[in-house]
Protein backbone atom coordinates (compact mmCIF):
# COMPACT_ATOMS: atom_id res chain seq x y z
CA MET A 1 -0.04 0.00 -0.10
CA ALA A 2 1.45 3.60 -0.89
CA LEU A 3 1.34 5.96 1.99
CA THR A 4 1.43 9.71 1.93
CA LYS A 5 4.81 10.76 2.28
CA VAL A 6 5.72 11.49 6.05
CA THR A 7 8.41 13.82 7.22
CA TYR A 8 9.64 13.00 10.48
CA ALA A 9 11.74 14.83 13.10
CA MET A 10 15.64 14.73 12.40
CA ILE A 11 18.61 15.04 14.59
CA ASP A 12 19.55 18.56 13.57
CA GLY A 13 18.77 22.27 14.67
CA ALA A 14 18.65 22.83 18.26
CA SER A 15 19.91 20.05 20.61
CA VAL A 16 20.22 19.92 24.36
CA ASN A 17 21.56 17.30 26.75
CA VAL A 18 19.35 16.44 29.59
CA THR A 19 22.38 16.71 32.04
CA ASP A 20 22.63 20.23 31.44
CA PHE A 21 19.29 20.87 32.63
CA GLY A 22 20.10 18.89 36.07
CA ALA A 23 19.20 15.20 35.24
CA VAL A 24 21.55 12.81 36.99
CA GLY A 25 20.68 9.30 35.31
CA ASN A 26 21.82 7.34 38.32
CA GLY A 27 18.55 5.38 38.51
CA THR A 28 17.38 6.84 41.91
CA ALA A 29 16.95 10.53 41.62
CA ASN A 30 13.76 11.74 39.91
CA ASP A 31 14.84 13.30 36.67
CA THR A 32 11.38 14.18 35.56
CA ALA A 33 11.48 17.95 36.01
CA ALA A 34 15.09 18.19 34.63
CA ILE A 35 14.17 16.17 31.46
CA GLN A 36 10.85 18.09 30.73
CA ALA A 37 12.57 21.40 31.18
CA ALA A 38 14.86 20.21 28.41
CA ILE A 39 11.84 19.25 26.14
CA ASP A 40 10.09 22.50 27.00
CA SER A 41 13.06 24.52 26.15
CA LEU A 42 12.92 23.60 22.37
CA THR A 43 10.13 26.15 21.40
CA SER A 44 11.06 25.58 17.87
CA GLY A 45 11.68 21.82 17.76
CA GLY A 46 15.03 20.07 18.15
CA THR A 47 16.95 16.97 19.80
CA VAL A 48 16.89 16.21 23.60
CA TYR A 49 19.97 13.90 23.99
CA PHE A 50 20.24 11.20 26.73
CA PRO A 51 23.78 10.16 27.58
CA LYS A 52 24.57 6.95 29.11
CA GLY A 53 22.55 6.35 32.34
CA THR A 54 19.34 5.28 34.25
CA TYR A 55 16.73 8.04 34.20
CA THR A 56 13.91 7.64 36.70
CA VAL A 57 10.78 9.47 35.82
CA THR A 58 7.19 9.96 36.72
CA GLY A 59 6.17 10.58 33.08
CA LEU A 60 7.32 12.93 30.27
CA ARG A 61 5.47 14.70 27.72
CA ILE A 62 7.24 15.08 24.36
CA ASP A 63 4.78 17.45 23.37
CA GLY A 64 5.62 19.74 26.14
CA THR A 65 4.34 20.58 29.41
CA ALA A 66 1.50 22.54 27.83
CA GLY A 67 0.97 20.34 24.89
CA ASN A 68 2.27 22.99 22.55
CA ARG A 69 5.64 21.40 21.15
CA SER A 70 6.39 19.68 17.85
CA ASN A 71 9.28 18.47 15.85
CA ILE A 72 10.94 17.08 19.00
CA THR A 73 13.57 14.31 19.03
CA LEU A 74 14.41 12.11 21.98
CA CYS A 75 17.39 10.00 21.31
CA GLY A 76 20.24 8.26 23.56
CA GLU A 77 22.87 5.37 23.14
CA GLY A 78 20.61 2.33 22.66
CA ASP A 79 20.04 0.15 25.82
CA SER A 80 22.61 2.34 27.67
CA SER A 81 20.25 5.14 27.87
CA LEU A 82 17.29 3.98 29.91
CA ILE A 83 14.29 5.78 30.94
CA GLN A 84 12.36 4.05 33.48
CA ILE A 85 8.94 5.00 35.07
CA ALA A 86 9.25 5.17 38.91
CA ALA A 87 8.38 1.95 41.00
CA SER A 88 4.38 1.63 41.73
CA ASN A 89 3.99 4.45 39.04
CA THR A 90 1.03 4.18 36.89
CA ALA A 91 1.92 6.77 34.41
CA ASN A 92 3.26 6.35 30.79
CA VAL A 93 7.02 6.73 30.32
CA ILE A 94 6.52 8.98 27.48
CA LYS A 95 3.41 10.25 25.89
CA SER A 96 1.86 12.99 23.59
CA LEU A 97 -1.57 14.11 23.41
CA SER A 98 -0.88 16.58 20.46
CA GLY A 99 1.59 17.78 18.00
CA SER A 100 3.45 16.22 14.99
CA GLY A 101 6.99 15.59 13.93
CA PHE A 102 8.25 13.56 16.99
CA LEU A 103 10.82 10.88 16.77
CA ILE A 104 11.79 8.76 19.51
CA ARG A 105 15.03 6.76 18.81
CA SER A 106 17.75 4.49 20.33
CA LEU A 107 16.34 4.59 23.83
CA LYS A 108 15.63 1.79 26.35
CA ILE A 109 12.15 2.28 28.11
CA ARG A 110 11.15 0.53 31.21
CA GLY A 111 7.56 0.43 32.71
CA ALA A 112 6.57 -0.52 36.16
CA LEU A 113 5.39 -4.26 35.43
CA GLY A 114 6.56 -6.23 38.36
CA ARG A 115 7.71 -3.17 40.39
CA GLY A 116 4.51 -2.23 42.15
CA VAL A 117 2.07 -2.24 39.15
CA GLN A 118 0.20 -5.18 37.69
CA PRO A 119 -2.10 -5.36 34.64
CA LEU A 120 -5.68 -4.44 35.24
CA ARG A 121 -7.50 -6.61 32.84
CA GLY A 122 -10.22 -4.39 31.30
CA PRO A 123 -12.93 -5.66 28.83
CA THR A 124 -11.57 -6.42 25.43
CA LYS A 125 -14.49 -5.29 23.84
CA GLY A 126 -15.70 -2.54 26.04
CA PHE A 127 -19.51 -2.41 26.27
CA TRP A 128 -21.69 -5.05 25.07
CA THR A 129 -23.52 -4.31 21.63
CA PRO A 130 -25.99 -6.21 19.50
CA SER A 131 -25.12 -7.46 16.02
CA THR A 132 -21.47 -7.51 16.95
CA ALA A 133 -19.17 -10.46 16.23
CA TYR A 134 -17.50 -12.16 19.02
CA VAL A 135 -14.97 -14.79 19.65
CA ILE A 136 -14.10 -17.09 22.37
CA GLY A 137 -12.33 -15.24 24.89
CA ASP A 138 -13.71 -11.57 24.25
CA THR A 139 -14.59 -9.86 27.40
CA VAL A 140 -17.78 -7.34 27.47
CA GLU A 141 -19.25 -4.91 30.18
CA VAL A 142 -23.09 -4.80 30.86
CA SER A 143 -24.91 -3.52 33.67
CA SER A 144 -25.90 -4.95 36.91
CA ALA A 145 -29.05 -6.27 35.47
CA ASP A 146 -27.30 -7.98 32.40
CA THR A 147 -28.65 -5.39 29.88
CA GLN A 148 -26.82 -3.26 27.35
CA THR A 149 -25.26 -0.20 28.87
CA THR A 150 -22.89 2.81 27.86
CA THR A 151 -22.34 4.08 31.28
CA VAL A 152 -19.35 3.20 33.19
CA SER A 153 -20.14 1.89 36.83
CA PRO A 154 -18.45 -0.09 39.61
CA ASN A 155 -21.88 -2.34 39.75
CA ASN A 156 -21.37 -3.27 36.06
CA LEU A 157 -20.70 -6.96 35.27
CA VAL A 158 -17.87 -8.29 32.78
CA TYR A 159 -18.59 -11.43 30.83
CA VAL A 160 -16.29 -13.61 29.08
CA CYS A 161 -17.22 -15.13 25.62
CA THR A 162 -17.39 -19.01 25.40
CA GLY A 163 -18.53 -19.64 22.14
CA ASN A 164 -18.00 -17.66 18.80
CA ASN A 165 -21.20 -15.97 18.14
CA THR A 166 -22.90 -12.73 16.56
CA SER A 167 -24.89 -11.28 19.36
CA SER A 168 -28.53 -11.25 19.21
CA ALA A 169 -30.63 -8.16 20.21
CA THR A 170 -30.36 -8.48 23.94
CA PHE A 171 -27.50 -9.85 26.13
CA LEU A 172 -30.00 -11.92 28.20
CA ALA A 173 -30.81 -13.95 24.89
CA ASP A 174 -27.07 -14.88 24.47
CA LYS A 175 -26.05 -15.04 28.17
CA ALA A 176 -26.96 -18.75 28.68
CA THR A 177 -25.18 -20.09 25.68
CA TYR A 178 -22.21 -17.72 25.02
CA TRP A 179 -21.14 -16.03 28.06
CA ALA A 180 -20.02 -16.88 31.68
CA LEU A 181 -19.37 -14.30 34.28
CA SER A 182 -15.93 -13.39 34.68
CA ASN A 183 -13.99 -13.92 38.07
CA ASN A 184 -11.60 -11.12 37.55
CA PRO A 185 -12.11 -8.67 40.58
CA ASN A 186 -10.25 -5.71 38.62
CA PHE A 187 -13.45 -5.71 36.18
CA ASN A 188 -16.05 -4.69 38.69
CA THR A 189 -13.89 -2.21 40.88
CA VAL A 190 -12.06 0.15 38.48
CA ASP A 191 -12.68 1.89 35.02
CA ILE A 192 -9.79 0.76 32.81
CA SER A 193 -8.14 3.39 30.77
CA TYR A 194 -5.78 2.41 28.22
CA GLU A 195 -4.26 6.05 28.37
CA THR A 196 -1.96 5.22 31.18
CA ARG A 197 0.75 2.46 32.00
CA ASN A 198 2.20 2.32 28.53
CA GLY A 199 5.91 2.66 27.58
CA ILE A 200 5.22 5.08 24.79
CA TYR A 201 1.90 6.54 24.32
CA LEU A 202 1.09 8.67 21.35
CA SER A 203 -2.53 10.09 21.08
CA GLY A 204 -3.24 13.10 18.94
CA ALA A 205 -0.01 13.05 17.26
CA THR A 206 0.90 13.04 13.44
CA ASN A 207 3.87 12.53 11.30
CA SER A 208 6.01 10.77 13.89
CA ALA A 209 8.25 7.78 14.43
CA ILE A 210 9.43 5.32 17.08
CA GLU A 211 12.53 3.37 16.12
CA GLU A 212 15.46 1.30 17.24
CA CYS A 213 14.35 1.28 20.85
CA THR A 214 14.25 -1.46 23.62
CA ILE A 215 10.79 -1.43 25.58
CA VAL A 216 10.30 -3.79 28.40
CA ASP A 217 8.09 -4.36 31.52
CA CYS A 218 4.99 -2.33 30.47
CA VAL A 219 1.95 -2.65 32.46
CA TYR A 220 -0.35 -2.12 29.46
CA ALA A 221 1.61 -1.71 26.35
CA GLY A 222 5.05 -1.26 25.36
CA ILE A 223 3.83 1.38 22.51
CA ASN A 224 0.23 2.54 22.40
CA VAL A 225 -0.65 4.48 19.30
CA GLY A 226 -4.07 5.97 19.34
CA THR A 227 -6.73 5.45 22.07
CA GLY A 228 -6.60 1.80 22.81
CA PRO A 229 -9.95 -0.36 23.45
CA VAL A 230 -11.51 1.95 26.08
CA GLN A 231 -14.86 3.13 27.27
CA PRO A 232 -16.41 5.76 24.93
CA GLY A 233 -15.78 8.32 27.82
CA ASN A 234 -11.97 7.81 27.60
CA ALA A 235 -11.96 8.00 23.87
CA THR A 236 -8.88 10.28 22.59
CA PRO A 237 -8.27 11.62 19.05
CA GLY A 238 -6.10 8.86 17.99
CA SER A 239 -2.98 9.30 15.71
CA SER A 240 -2.10 9.32 12.06
CA TYR A 241 1.11 8.74 9.96
CA ILE A 242 3.10 7.13 12.73
CA ARG A 243 6.09 4.59 11.90
CA VAL A 244 6.86 2.03 14.49
CA GLN A 245 10.11 0.49 13.28
CA ASN A 246 12.94 -1.82 14.34
CA ASN A 247 12.06 -1.87 17.90
CA TYR A 248 12.52 -4.73 20.55
CA ILE A 249 9.58 -5.37 22.99
CA ASP A 250 9.54 -7.71 25.55
CA ASN A 251 7.56 -8.77 28.58
CA CYS A 252 4.76 -6.21 28.41
CA ASP A 253 1.05 -6.86 28.72
CA ASN A 254 0.71 -6.11 24.97
CA GLY A 255 3.59 -5.33 22.60
CA VAL A 256 1.99 -2.66 20.43
CA ALA A 257 -1.65 -1.59 21.00
CA GLY A 258 -3.88 1.04 20.07
CA GLY A 259 -7.43 1.97 19.01
CA GLU A 260 -8.31 4.56 16.24
CA GLN A 261 -5.39 5.35 13.89
CA THR A 262 -4.62 5.91 10.37
CA TYR A 263 -1.69 5.38 7.97
CA VAL A 264 0.43 3.74 10.92
CA THR A 265 3.15 1.57 10.03
CA TYR A 266 4.42 -1.29 12.07
CA VAL A 267 7.92 -2.63 10.47
CA GLY A 268 10.75 -4.77 11.49
CA ASN A 269 9.62 -4.97 15.10
CA ASN A 270 10.64 -7.97 17.19
CA ILE A 271 8.06 -8.61 20.04
CA LYS A 272 8.31 -11.51 22.49
CA SER A 273 6.63 -12.92 25.74
CA CYS A 274 3.80 -10.45 25.92
CA VAL A 275 1.20 -11.43 28.33
CA ASN A 276 -1.65 -10.80 26.06
CA PHE A 277 -1.32 -9.55 22.37
CA GLY A 278 1.75 -8.77 20.34
CA ILE A 279 0.18 -6.19 17.93
CA VAL A 280 -3.39 -5.13 18.36
CA ILE A 281 -5.28 -2.60 16.28
CA ASP A 282 -8.77 -2.47 18.13
CA ASP A 283 -11.06 0.33 16.61
CA PRO A 284 -13.36 -0.13 13.27
CA ASN A 285 -12.56 3.71 12.86
CA SER A 286 -8.97 2.76 11.76
CA PHE A 287 -7.90 2.30 8.33
CA GLY A 288 -4.68 2.36 5.98
CA CYS A 289 -2.39 0.53 8.44
CA VAL A 290 0.53 -1.73 7.46
CA VAL A 291 1.84 -4.59 9.68
CA SER A 292 4.94 -5.59 8.00
CA SER A 293 8.02 -7.94 8.68
CA ASN A 294 7.63 -8.03 12.38
CA THR A 295 8.39 -11.06 14.47
CA VAL A 296 6.13 -11.81 17.33
CA THR A 297 6.75 -14.96 19.58
CA GLY A 298 5.33 -16.36 22.73
CA CYS A 299 2.30 -14.17 23.18
CA GLY A 300 -0.34 -15.11 25.83
CA SER A 301 -3.24 -14.40 23.26
CA HIS A 302 -3.10 -13.55 19.61
CA GLY A 303 0.01 -12.57 18.08
CA ILE A 304 -1.50 -10.11 15.57
CA TYR A 305 -5.00 -8.86 16.09
CA PHE A 306 -7.04 -6.72 13.62
CA TYR A 307 -10.70 -5.82 15.21
CA GLY A 308 -12.26 -3.68 12.24
CA PRO A 309 -9.60 -1.54 10.61
CA ASP A 310 -10.26 -1.56 6.66
CA TYR A 311 -7.71 -1.02 3.77
CA SER A 312 -4.89 -2.35 5.71
CA THR A 313 -2.18 -4.89 5.13
CA ILE A 314 -0.53 -7.74 7.15
CA THR A 315 2.48 -8.77 5.24
CA GLY A 316 5.78 -10.71 5.69
CA ASN A 317 5.28 -11.30 9.38
CA THR A 318 6.86 -14.26 11.58
CA VAL A 319 4.40 -15.49 14.51
CA SER A 320 4.77 -18.27 16.65
CA PHE A 321 4.17 -19.93 19.81
CA CYS A 322 1.14 -17.68 20.74
CA THR A 323 -1.46 -19.19 22.79
CA ASN A 324 -4.43 -18.39 20.56
CA VAL A 325 -4.42 -17.19 16.96
CA GLY A 326 -1.52 -16.16 15.24
CA ILE A 327 -2.95 -13.77 12.97
CA LEU A 328 -6.61 -12.85 13.60
CA VAL A 329 -8.82 -10.21 11.44
CA ILE A 330 -12.50 -9.81 12.46
CA GLN A 331 -15.31 -7.59 11.48
CA ALA A 332 -13.64 -5.60 8.87
CA SER A 333 -16.02 -4.77 5.86
CA VAL A 334 -12.96 -4.42 3.50
CA SER A 335 -10.64 -6.79 5.01
CA SER A 336 -6.78 -6.51 5.27
CA PRO A 337 -5.02 -8.68 2.59
CA ILE A 338 -2.75 -10.99 4.61
CA SER A 339 0.00 -12.16 2.64
CA GLY A 340 3.55 -13.74 2.94
CA ASN A 341 3.34 -14.47 6.60
CA ALA A 342 4.80 -17.40 8.63
CA VAL A 343 2.72 -18.80 11.41
CA SER A 344 3.63 -21.92 13.40
CA ASN A 345 2.80 -23.41 16.71
CA CYS A 346 -0.13 -21.33 17.51
CA GLN A 347 -3.70 -22.50 18.23
CA GLN A 348 -4.76 -21.37 14.77
CA GLY A 349 -2.36 -19.86 12.00
CA ILE A 350 -4.57 -17.28 10.08
CA ARG A 351 -8.38 -16.62 11.24
CA LEU A 352 -10.82 -14.35 9.59
CA TYR A 353 -14.10 -14.01 11.42
CA ASN A 354 -17.25 -11.83 9.94
CA ASN A 355 -15.35 -10.13 7.15
CA SER A 356 -15.77 -9.38 3.62
CA LYS A 357 -13.67 -8.89 0.63
CA ALA A 358 -10.75 -10.91 2.31
CA THR A 359 -7.45 -11.90 0.57
CA ILE A 360 -5.20 -14.64 1.97
CA THR A 361 -2.02 -15.36 -0.30
CA GLY A 362 1.10 -16.88 0.06
CA ASN A 363 1.29 -17.55 3.75
CA THR A 364 2.92 -20.59 5.63
CA CYS A 365 0.55 -21.88 8.38
CA ARG A 366 2.29 -25.11 9.89
CA ALA A 367 2.39 -27.09 13.17
CA ASN A 368 -0.83 -25.20 14.49
CA SER A 369 -2.93 -26.98 17.27
CA GLN A 370 -6.18 -26.34 15.23
CA TYR A 371 -6.22 -24.83 11.73
CA GLY A 372 -3.67 -23.73 9.46
CA ILE A 373 -6.28 -21.11 7.94
CA SER A 374 -9.73 -20.60 9.17
CA ALA A 375 -12.36 -18.37 7.65
CA GLU A 376 -15.84 -17.88 9.37
CA LEU A 377 -18.88 -15.83 8.39
CA LEU A 378 -17.28 -14.30 5.25
CA SER A 379 -18.25 -13.52 1.64
CA GLU A 380 -16.01 -12.60 -1.09
CA VAL A 381 -12.79 -14.58 0.24
CA SER A 382 -9.85 -15.58 -1.82
CA ILE A 383 -7.36 -17.87 -0.22
CA THR A 384 -4.39 -18.57 -2.55
CA GLY A 385 -1.00 -20.09 -2.89
CA ASN A 386 -0.65 -20.92 0.84
CA GLU A 387 1.34 -23.63 2.79
CA CYS A 388 -0.79 -25.53 5.30
CA ASN A 389 1.04 -28.29 6.53
CA GLY A 390 1.16 -30.48 9.73
CA ASN A 391 -1.70 -28.63 11.52
CA THR A 392 -3.72 -30.72 13.99
CA LEU A 393 -7.01 -30.29 12.48
CA ASP A 394 -7.76 -29.11 8.90
CA GLY A 395 -5.05 -27.21 6.74
CA ILE A 396 -7.94 -24.74 5.52
CA ASN A 397 -11.26 -24.60 7.05
CA LEU A 398 -14.12 -22.64 6.04
CA LEU A 399 -17.48 -22.18 7.77
CA THR A 400 -20.52 -20.34 6.58
CA VAL A 401 -18.41 -18.70 3.79
CA SER A 402 -19.92 -17.68 0.31
CA ALA A 403 -18.24 -16.52 -2.90
CA PHE A 404 -15.02 -18.12 -2.21
CA ALA A 405 -12.12 -19.11 -4.37
CA ILE A 406 -9.34 -21.62 -2.79
CA ASN A 407 -6.59 -21.71 -5.45
CA SER A 408 -3.14 -23.62 -5.53
CA ASN A 409 -2.67 -24.33 -2.04
CA SER A 410 -0.46 -26.90 -0.68
CA CYS A 411 -2.21 -28.83 2.38
CA SER A 412 -0.28 -31.78 3.48
CA PHE A 413 0.20 -33.91 6.36
CA ASN A 414 -2.85 -32.43 8.61
CA GLN A 415 -4.54 -34.36 10.98
CA GLY A 416 -7.86 -33.35 9.60
CA SER A 417 -8.65 -33.03 5.89
CA GLY A 418 -6.42 -30.85 3.64
CA ILE A 419 -9.46 -28.36 2.98
CA SER A 420 -12.66 -28.43 4.92
CA ILE A 421 -15.96 -26.74 3.68
CA ASN A 422 -18.72 -26.51 5.97
CA SER A 423 -22.24 -24.76 5.51
CA CYS A 424 -20.84 -22.73 2.27
CA SER A 425 -22.00 -22.23 -1.10
CA GLU A 426 -20.82 -20.69 -4.47
CA GLY A 427 -17.05 -21.50 -4.12
CA THR A 428 -14.11 -23.05 -6.17
CA VAL A 429 -11.35 -24.94 -5.21
CA VAL A 430 -8.75 -24.99 -8.15
CA GLY A 431 -5.25 -26.55 -8.43
CA GLY A 432 -3.14 -27.19 -5.63
CA VAL A 433 -1.66 -30.33 -3.70
CA LEU A 434 -3.52 -32.22 -1.09
CA LEU A 435 -1.20 -34.94 0.28
CA ASN A 436 -1.37 -37.39 3.12
CA ASN A 437 -4.04 -35.55 5.18
CA ASN A 438 -6.07 -37.28 7.96
CA ASN A 439 -2.59 -37.98 9.33
CA SER A 440 -3.52 -39.48 12.45
CA GLY A 441 -6.56 -41.30 11.07
CA SER A 442 -8.72 -38.79 13.19
CA PRO A 443 -10.90 -36.80 13.88
CA SER A 444 -12.66 -37.75 10.59
CA ALA A 445 -12.86 -41.42 9.46
CA THR A 446 -13.69 -39.93 6.27
CA GLY A 447 -10.68 -37.60 6.21
CA ALA A 448 -10.06 -36.49 2.76
CA GLY A 449 -7.99 -34.09 0.47
CA VAL A 450 -11.30 -31.80 0.16
CA TYR A 451 -14.13 -32.51 2.77
CA ILE A 452 -17.46 -30.96 2.07
CA ASN A 453 -20.12 -30.72 4.46
CA ASN A 454 -23.56 -29.34 4.09
CA SER A 455 -22.38 -27.05 1.35
CA THR A 456 -23.91 -26.29 -2.27
CA SER A 457 -22.65 -25.32 -5.68
CA ILE A 458 -18.80 -26.14 -4.99
CA VAL A 459 -16.30 -26.69 -8.06
CA VAL A 460 -13.22 -28.77 -7.54
CA SER A 461 -10.93 -28.83 -10.63
CA GLY A 462 -7.30 -29.39 -11.26
CA ILE A 463 -6.30 -30.29 -8.01
CA ARG A 464 -4.08 -33.39 -6.91
CA ALA A 465 -5.24 -35.05 -3.78
CA TYR A 466 -3.65 -38.36 -2.90
CA ASP A 467 -2.19 -40.48 -0.19
CA ALA A 468 1.31 -41.52 -0.99
CA ARG A 469 1.70 -44.01 1.98
CA ALA A 470 1.80 -47.61 1.61
CA GLY A 471 -1.21 -50.11 1.93
CA GLY A 472 -2.99 -49.78 5.24
CA ALA A 473 -1.33 -46.65 6.41
CA LYS A 474 -3.42 -44.64 3.97
CA THR A 475 -5.59 -42.44 6.11
CA GLN A 476 -6.52 -39.97 3.55
CA LYS A 477 -9.77 -41.89 2.66
CA TYR A 478 -10.77 -39.93 -0.37
CA GLY A 479 -9.91 -37.22 -2.94
CA VAL A 480 -13.01 -35.38 -2.24
CA TYR A 481 -15.85 -36.54 0.09
CA SER A 482 -19.15 -34.55 0.59
CA THR A 483 -21.85 -35.40 3.13
CA GLY A 484 -25.01 -34.24 4.88
CA THR A 485 -27.13 -31.75 2.51
CA SER A 486 -24.23 -31.19 0.42
CA ASP A 487 -25.21 -31.21 -3.31
CA GLY A 488 -24.28 -29.38 -6.76
CA VAL A 489 -20.55 -30.42 -6.41
CA ILE A 490 -18.52 -30.26 -9.63
CA LEU A 491 -15.55 -32.25 -10.01
CA SER A 492 -13.55 -31.76 -13.26
CA GLY A 493 -9.91 -32.76 -14.33
CA ASN A 494 -8.61 -33.66 -11.11
CA ILE A 495 -5.95 -36.41 -10.09
CA PHE A 496 -7.02 -38.83 -7.40
CA ASP A 497 -4.63 -41.32 -7.11
CA GLY A 498 -3.76 -43.60 -4.22
CA ASN A 499 -6.41 -42.42 -1.62
CA GLY A 500 -7.29 -45.10 1.15
CA THR A 501 -11.03 -45.80 0.07
CA ALA A 502 -11.90 -44.22 -3.43
CA ALA A 503 -11.21 -41.21 -5.64
CA PHE A 504 -14.35 -39.37 -4.46
CA SER A 505 -17.73 -39.98 -2.85
CA LEU A 506 -20.51 -37.38 -3.25
CA ALA A 507 -23.78 -36.74 -1.29
CA GLY A 508 -26.72 -35.40 -3.32
CA THR A 509 -28.08 -36.02 -6.61
CA ALA A 510 -27.52 -32.84 -8.50
CA ASN A 511 -23.51 -33.30 -8.48
CA LYS A 512 -21.47 -33.23 -12.11
CA VAL A 513 -18.64 -35.46 -12.63
CA SER A 514 -16.25 -35.07 -15.83
CA PRO A 515 -13.03 -37.43 -16.11
CA GLN A 516 -10.95 -37.92 -12.95
CA PHE A 517 -7.72 -39.66 -13.03
CA GLY A 518 -8.55 -42.42 -10.53
CA ASN A 519 -6.72 -44.37 -7.96
CA MET A 520 -7.54 -48.11 -8.81
CA THR A 521 -4.86 -50.70 -8.61
CA ALA A 522 -4.22 -53.21 -11.16
CA ALA A 523 -6.08 -56.04 -9.03
CA SER A 524 -9.40 -54.18 -8.95
CA ASN A 525 -9.15 -52.88 -12.70
CA PRO A 526 -11.46 -54.80 -15.35
CA ALA A 527 -9.23 -57.38 -16.92
CA SER A 528 -9.40 -55.59 -20.43
CA PHE A 529 -8.08 -52.21 -19.22
CA SER A 530 -4.40 -51.54 -18.32
CA ALA A 531 -3.86 -50.10 -14.62
CA THR A 532 -2.26 -46.84 -15.89
CA ASN A 533 -5.10 -46.19 -18.33
CA ILE A 534 -8.17 -46.00 -16.16
CA VAL A 535 -10.46 -43.18 -14.94
CA THR A 536 -13.46 -43.77 -12.65
CA TYR A 537 -16.58 -42.33 -11.91
CA VAL A 538 -18.39 -42.75 -8.42
CA GLN A 539 -22.16 -42.36 -8.87
CA PRO A 540 -24.42 -40.90 -6.15
CA ASP A 541 -25.41 -44.40 -5.14
CA GLY A 542 -21.83 -45.53 -4.91
CA THR A 543 -21.65 -47.36 -8.25
CA VAL A 544 -18.08 -47.12 -9.59
CA ILE A 545 -17.75 -46.86 -13.33
CA TYR A 546 -14.50 -47.56 -15.03
CA LEU A 547 -13.48 -45.91 -18.55
CA PRO A 548 -10.29 -46.05 -20.25
CA ALA A 549 -8.52 -42.80 -20.37
CA ARG A 550 -7.49 -41.63 -23.82
CA ASN A 551 -5.94 -38.46 -25.23
CA GLY A 552 -7.26 -38.84 -28.75
CA PRO A 553 -10.42 -40.09 -30.50
CA TRP A 554 -11.78 -43.58 -29.58
C-alpha cells in the first residue's frame, strides 16, 4: 500500500543534553523535572539527548508540558540510555496528546510491570453491543441487570465469551449459551483506561516515528498508538501517519496496542513474551495501517489482532508460539490482505471472522494446534498459494462462507482434511496439492483431500489429492468427500491417485463429474484395461464406473 509521504523529526537544529538541565541518570534520583525542562526549552523543535545512564521519571510529555511542542526528537545511546517509570507509578513513561514531527530513537524504555504495578484486565470489547461478532475469550461489560449499557459503573458486570457468535438483540438472549461471568475482580472495581501504564503513548500525534528502541516491562503496552480499546468516555483523538520500526519489545502486557489510527506502519519490530497480544489494532474507525516484517513470539493470546480496520495490510510477519491465533482479523468490511506471513505453533495460524472482501495469499501455516487457515462468516474471500502443512486439524477450514476461491494451495500431513468446507456456497477449489491428510486417522474417519459438509455449488478442478503412504497406512480416505446436505458439487480434471478408500464420494443427486484420474490398482481394474489407463466415476449411489483414459479419439 502506498502511503502519503511523511516527514519525521531529524537530529539537527537545536540540541540539548538532559544533564545540562540537572538530570542525574543514576537510577534513583527523580529526573522528571530536568528532562521536561529540556523538552520545553525547544520552542521551535530540536533534539533532546540522553547520555548513558538510568533516568527515573514519573512521566514525560514529548509535546511539552502545555502540549504545544512539535518536531521534538528524543535520542540516546541504545540500551545504555534507560528511561524508567518510577516503581509503583501508573503513568506513561513518555506520552503525547498533540503535536507532530516527533521521533523517539535509540532509547531503552522500562515500565513498572512487576515493580509495584500489575495489569488491570479491562473488557477487551468494552460495552456489549448487539449485532457484533464475538469470539471465544472476548470480554464485555454490561449493566448489573445483564442489559446493554454505555455507562461506566462499579456495579457493572463483565462476561467472557465462551462460544463464537454474532450477538442477538439482547444480552440476556445470548447469556446462557455464549457467556460466563468473569471472576476477575478488577473488572467490577475500576474503570480501565488504556491512556496510562504504557511505555510510549502517542495520541493526537501525527507524522512521527518510534524506532530502534528497547521497551520492556510495561503494564499495558510497550507502545500505544491511538486510543486503545477504551470506554467511550475515555476516547481520545487517535493518531495518524506514525511509523513504529525496528523496536524490541519484551515482557509487556501487550507489545504494540492502539485504537483509532490511520496510516500507521509497524515494520521490523521484534515482540516477544507479551502477556496478551503482540500487535493489536482495536477500533473499526482505523484504516490504512501496515503491519509488515515483524517477529512476534510467545504471546499469551493472539500474535497480531485486527478488530475492524479497513484498507490495511498484514504482510511478511513471522508469528510463533502464541496461545491463541497467530493472525486474527475480525469484523472488517473491507478486510486487510494477509500475505507472505509464516505462522507456526499457535492455536490457529490465520483466522478471519465476520469479514468481507478478504484475501489470504502466500502464507505458510504449520504445526498449529487447530487449523492452518480458518475463515468463518465471510463473503468474497480468496485463499491462494498458501502452505498449510502439519496442523492438528484441517489445513484450511471454511465455515459459513460464500463466494470463495481456494486456489493453488498446498495442504499436506494435516491431521484433519486438507481443505474442509462447511455450510458454504458458491465456491471453487482450483489447483494445489493435498497430500497425506487425516494424518492420524482422526478426527474424521472419512478424512479427505477436500471435505465438503452441508455445502452447495462447489467446483473442484485441477487439484491433486492423494495419499502416498503404503497399503493400510493410507488415512486420506478420499480425494473429495461430500456429506450431509451437500449437493451441486462439480468435479473436473482432478488427479485422485492412491487414496485409502476411493477417488471421491459425493452426497446429493445434482453433482456433475467429468473424467478424473482415478486411484484404482491393477487387481481391481477390469481385466481388459491396463492399470495406468483407467479413470473412474463414482455415482451418487456408490456405483463405480471404469472407463479407459485416452487423449485422442476412440
